[in-house]
Amino acid sequence: MEYSRSLKLNHIFQRLYRSGNQAANKDLVIYCRKNRTKENRVGITVSKKLGKAVTRNRVRRRLKEVYRLHEDRFLPGYDIVVVARSRAVDAPFQQLVKSYLSLGAKLGLLREEEQ
């Protein structure tokens, strides 16, 4: 990820859940909030309810790859948390891409020419 870092601190996740903008669809929920840097910080959450570690890690890897492939379409300067829902486990990759980008557009995270 060229323009982004991983989001790992629990208090930032909690701040986004409390006071960030959010959008949801059947596969994902995305929380976002402006940060004071010139790069995005991206965190991915996959609940234990979705399956064992192998399943959760697979979902996490797929969501990271969606962001990596489309990173240049996102505006810089945001904290973003992506929460996987149960349908994300069995969703085809293209459906995850469509869900991710549509939620990004709904929250105003994508560049103007891409929406």
C-alpha atoms as a PDB file:
ATOM      1  CA  MET A   1       0.000   0.000   0.000  1.00  0.00           C
ATOM      2  CA  GLU A   2       1.788   3.014  -1.334  1.00  0.00           C
ATOM      3  CA  TYR A   3      -0.320   5.844   0.133  1.00  0.00           C
ATOM      4  CA  SER A   4      -1.624   4.097   3.224  1.00  0.00           C
ATOM      5  CA  ARG A   5      -0.727   2.506   6.521  1.00  0.00           C
ATOM      6  CA  SER A   6      -2.404  -0.105   8.647  1.00  0.00           C
ATOM      7  CA  LEU A   7      -4.652   1.013  11.444  1.00  0.00           C
ATOM      8  CA  LYS A   8      -3.882  -1.035  14.529  1.00  0.00           C
ATOM      9  CA  LEU A   9      -4.618   1.077  17.606  1.00  0.00           C
ATOM     10  CA  ASN A  10      -7.797   0.117  19.448  1.00  0.00           C
ATOM     11  CA  HIS A  11      -8.627   3.656  20.596  1.00  0.00           C
ATOM     12  CA  ILE A  12      -8.717   4.847  16.967  1.00  0.00           C
ATOM     13  CA  PHE A  13     -11.082   1.995  16.050  1.00  0.00           C
ATOM     14  CA  GLN A  14     -13.304   2.974  18.980  1.00  0.00           C
ATOM     15  CA  ARG A  15     -13.254   6.655  17.974  1.00  0.00           C
ATOM     16  CA  LEU A  16     -14.359   5.732  14.455  1.00  0.00           C
ATOM     17  CA  TYR A  17     -17.175   3.531  15.744  1.00  0.00           C
ATOM     18  CA  ARG A  18     -18.408   6.343  18.013  1.00  0.00           C
ATOM     19  CA  SER A  19     -18.044   9.435  15.865  1.00  0.00           C
ATOM     20  CA  GLY A  20     -17.122   8.428  12.322  1.00  0.00           C
ATOM     21  CA  ASN A  21     -19.331   8.487   9.265  1.00  0.00           C
ATOM     22  CA  GLN A  22     -20.636   5.078   8.295  1.00  0.00           C
ATOM     23  CA  ALA A  23     -22.208   3.282   5.384  1.00  0.00           C
ATOM     24  CA  ALA A  24     -23.311  -0.327   5.101  1.00  0.00           C
ATOM     25  CA  ASN A  25     -24.531  -2.882   2.611  1.00  0.00           C
ATOM     26  CA  LYS A  26     -25.094  -6.631   2.743  1.00  0.00           C
ATOM     27  CA  ASP A  27     -21.354  -7.476   2.614  1.00  0.00           C
ATOM     28  CA  LEU A  28     -19.520  -4.699   4.462  1.00  0.00           C
ATOM     29  CA  VAL A  29     -19.744  -1.763   6.824  1.00  0.00           C
ATOM     30  CA  ILE A  30     -17.273   1.095   6.399  1.00  0.00           C
ATOM     31  CA  TYR A  31     -16.531   3.732   9.024  1.00  0.00           C
ATOM     32  CA  CYS A  32     -14.439   6.754   8.083  1.00  0.00           C
ATOM     33  CA  ARG A  33     -13.207   9.992   9.548  1.00  0.00           C
ATOM     34  CA  LYS A  34     -10.724  12.611   8.422  1.00  0.00           C
ATOM     35  CA  ASN A  35      -7.301  12.436  10.027  1.00  0.00           C
ATOM     36  CA  ARG A  36      -4.615  15.104  10.095  1.00  0.00           C
ATOM     37  CA  THR A  37      -2.151  13.332   7.841  1.00  0.00           C
ATOM     38  CA  LYS A  38      -1.676  13.104   4.095  1.00  0.00           C
ATOM     39  CA  GLU A  39      -2.225   9.363   3.992  1.00  0.00           C
ATOM     40  CA  ASN A  40      -4.997   6.915   4.729  1.00  0.00           C
ATOM     41  CA  ARG A  41      -4.945   4.540   7.660  1.00  0.00           C
ATOM     42  CA  VAL A  42      -6.950   1.408   6.942  1.00  0.00           C
ATOM     43  CA  GLY A  43      -8.132  -1.190   9.451  1.00  0.00           C
ATOM     44  CA  ILE A  44     -10.096  -4.363   8.786  1.00  0.00           C
ATOM     45  CA  THR A  45     -12.295  -6.122  11.322  1.00  0.00           C
ATOM     46  CA  VAL A  46     -13.573  -9.684  10.934  1.00  0.00           C
ATOM     47  CA  SER A  47     -15.586 -11.111  13.816  1.00  0.00           C
ATOM     48  CA  LYS A  48     -15.097 -14.590  15.248  1.00  0.00           C
ATOM     49  CA  LYS A  49     -18.750 -15.181  14.390  1.00  0.00           C
ATOM     50  CA  LEU A  50     -17.752 -15.463  10.725  1.00  0.00           C
ATOM     51  CA  GLY A  51     -15.680 -18.592  11.182  1.00  0.00           C
ATOM     52  CA  LYS A  52     -12.413 -20.009  12.350  1.00  0.00           C
ATOM     53  CA  ALA A  53      -9.049 -18.283  11.897  1.00  0.00           C
ATOM     54  CA  VAL A  54      -8.469 -19.585   8.372  1.00  0.00           C
ATOM     55  CA  THR A  55     -11.791 -18.168   7.180  1.00  0.00           C
ATOM     56  CA  ARG A  56     -11.322 -14.832   8.945  1.00  0.00           C
ATOM     57  CA  ASN A  57      -7.804 -14.414   7.573  1.00  0.00           C
ATOM     58  CA  ARG A  58      -8.995 -15.210   4.056  1.00  0.00           C
ATOM     59  CA  VAL A  59     -11.680 -12.523   4.266  1.00  0.00           C
ATOM     60  CA  ARG A  60      -9.129 -10.077   5.683  1.00  0.00           C
ATOM     61  CA  ARG A  61      -6.646 -10.794   2.869  1.00  0.00           C
ATOM     62  CA  ARG A  62      -9.319 -10.343   0.212  1.00  0.00           C
ATOM     63  CA  LEU A  63     -10.421  -6.983   1.654  1.00  0.00           C
ATOM     64  CA  LYS A  64      -6.809  -5.799   1.835  1.00  0.00           C
ATOM     65  CA  GLU A  65      -6.359  -6.751  -1.802  1.00  0.00           C
ATOM     66  CA  VAL A  66      -9.481  -4.839  -2.848  1.00  0.00           C
ATOM     67  CA  TYR A  67      -8.094  -1.725  -1.201  1.00  0.00           C
ATOM     68  CA  ARG A  68      -4.603  -2.272  -2.620  1.00  0.00           C
ATOM     69  CA  LEU A  69      -5.877  -2.602  -6.187  1.00  0.00           C
ATOM     70  CA  HIS A  70      -8.025   0.536  -5.932  1.00  0.00           C
ATOM     71  CA  GLU A  71      -5.922   2.598  -3.537  1.00  0.00           C
ATOM     72  CA  ASP A  72      -5.310   5.355  -6.079  1.00  0.00           C
ATOM     73  CA  ARG A  73      -9.078   5.996  -6.325  1.00  0.00           C
ATOM     74  CA  PHE A  74      -9.370   6.922  -2.630  1.00  0.00           C
ATOM     75  CA  LEU A  75      -8.837  10.463  -1.384  1.00  0.00           C
ATOM     76  CA  PRO A  76      -5.915  10.766   1.088  1.00  0.00           C
ATOM     77  CA  GLY A  77      -6.263  11.878   4.692  1.00  0.00           C
ATOM     78  CA  TYR A  78      -8.832   9.453   6.119  1.00  0.00           C
ATOM     79  CA  ASP A  79      -8.990   6.794   8.789  1.00  0.00           C
ATOM     80  CA  ILE A  80     -11.019   3.905   7.376  1.00  0.00           C
ATOM     81  CA  VAL A  81     -12.305   0.814   9.168  1.00  0.00           C
ATOM     82  CA  VAL A  82     -13.904  -1.968   7.142  1.00  0.00           C
ATOM     83  CA  VAL A  83     -16.094  -4.456   9.010  1.00  0.00           C
ATOM     84  CA  ALA A  84     -16.886  -7.711   7.213  1.00  0.00           C
ATOM     85  CA  ARG A  85     -20.387  -9.087   7.476  1.00  0.00           C
ATOM     86  CA  SER A  86     -21.284 -12.770   7.200  1.00  0.00           C
ATOM     87  CA  ARG A  87     -22.068 -12.563   3.471  1.00  0.00           C
ATOM     88  CA  ALA A  88     -18.495 -11.405   2.766  1.00  0.00           C
ATOM     89  CA  VAL A  89     -17.202 -14.894   3.575  1.00  0.00           C
ATOM     90  CA  ASP A  90     -18.798 -16.517   0.515  1.00  0.00           C
ATOM     91  CA  ALA A  91     -18.987 -13.450  -1.742  1.00  0.00           C
ATOM     92  CA  PRO A  92     -17.120 -13.528  -5.059  1.00  0.00           C
ATOM     93  CA  PHE A  93     -14.164 -11.169  -5.265  1.00  0.00           C
ATOM     94  CA  GLN A  94     -15.862  -8.889  -7.813  1.00  0.00           C
ATOM     95  CA  GLN A  95     -18.849  -8.482  -5.507  1.00  0.00           C
ATOM     96  CA  LEU A  96     -16.508  -7.415  -2.687  1.00  0.00           C
ATOM     97  CA  VAL A  97     -14.903  -4.874  -5.035  1.00  0.00           C
ATOM     98  CA  LYS A  98     -18.314  -3.516  -6.020  1.00  0.00           C
ATOM     99  CA  SER A  99     -19.471  -3.311  -2.378  1.00  0.00           C
ATOM    100  CA  TYR A 100     -16.242  -1.663  -1.208  1.00  0.00           C
ATOM    101  CA  LEU A 101     -16.230   0.972  -3.961  1.00  0.00           C
ATOM    102  CA  SER A 102     -19.946   1.747  -3.706  1.00  0.00           C
ATOM    103  CA  LEU A 103     -19.628   2.363   0.037  1.00  0.00           C
ATOM    104  CA  GLY A 104     -16.520   4.470  -0.578  1.00  0.00           C
ATOM    105  CA  ALA A 105     -18.459   6.580  -3.077  1.00  0.00           C
ATOM    106  CA  LYS A 106     -21.405   6.907  -0.658  1.00  0.00           C
ATOM    107  CA  LEU A 107     -19.056   8.242   2.037  1.00  0.00           C
ATOM    108  CA  GLY A 108     -17.248  10.578  -0.341  1.00  0.00           C
ATOM    109  CA  LEU A 109     -13.940   8.734  -0.104  1.00  0.00           C
ATOM    110  CA  LEU A 110     -13.415   8.366  -3.850  1.00  0.00           C
ATOM    111  CA  ARG A 111     -11.959  10.963  -6.186  1.00  0.00           C
ATOM    112  CA  GLU A 112     -14.524  12.935  -8.184  1.00  0.00           C
ATOM    113  CA  GLU A 113     -13.673  11.513 -11.599  1.00  0.00           C
ATOM    114  CA  GLU A 114     -14.170   7.955 -10.303  1.00  0.00           C
ATOM    115  CA  GLN A 115     -17.685   8.320  -8.907  1.00  0.00           C
END
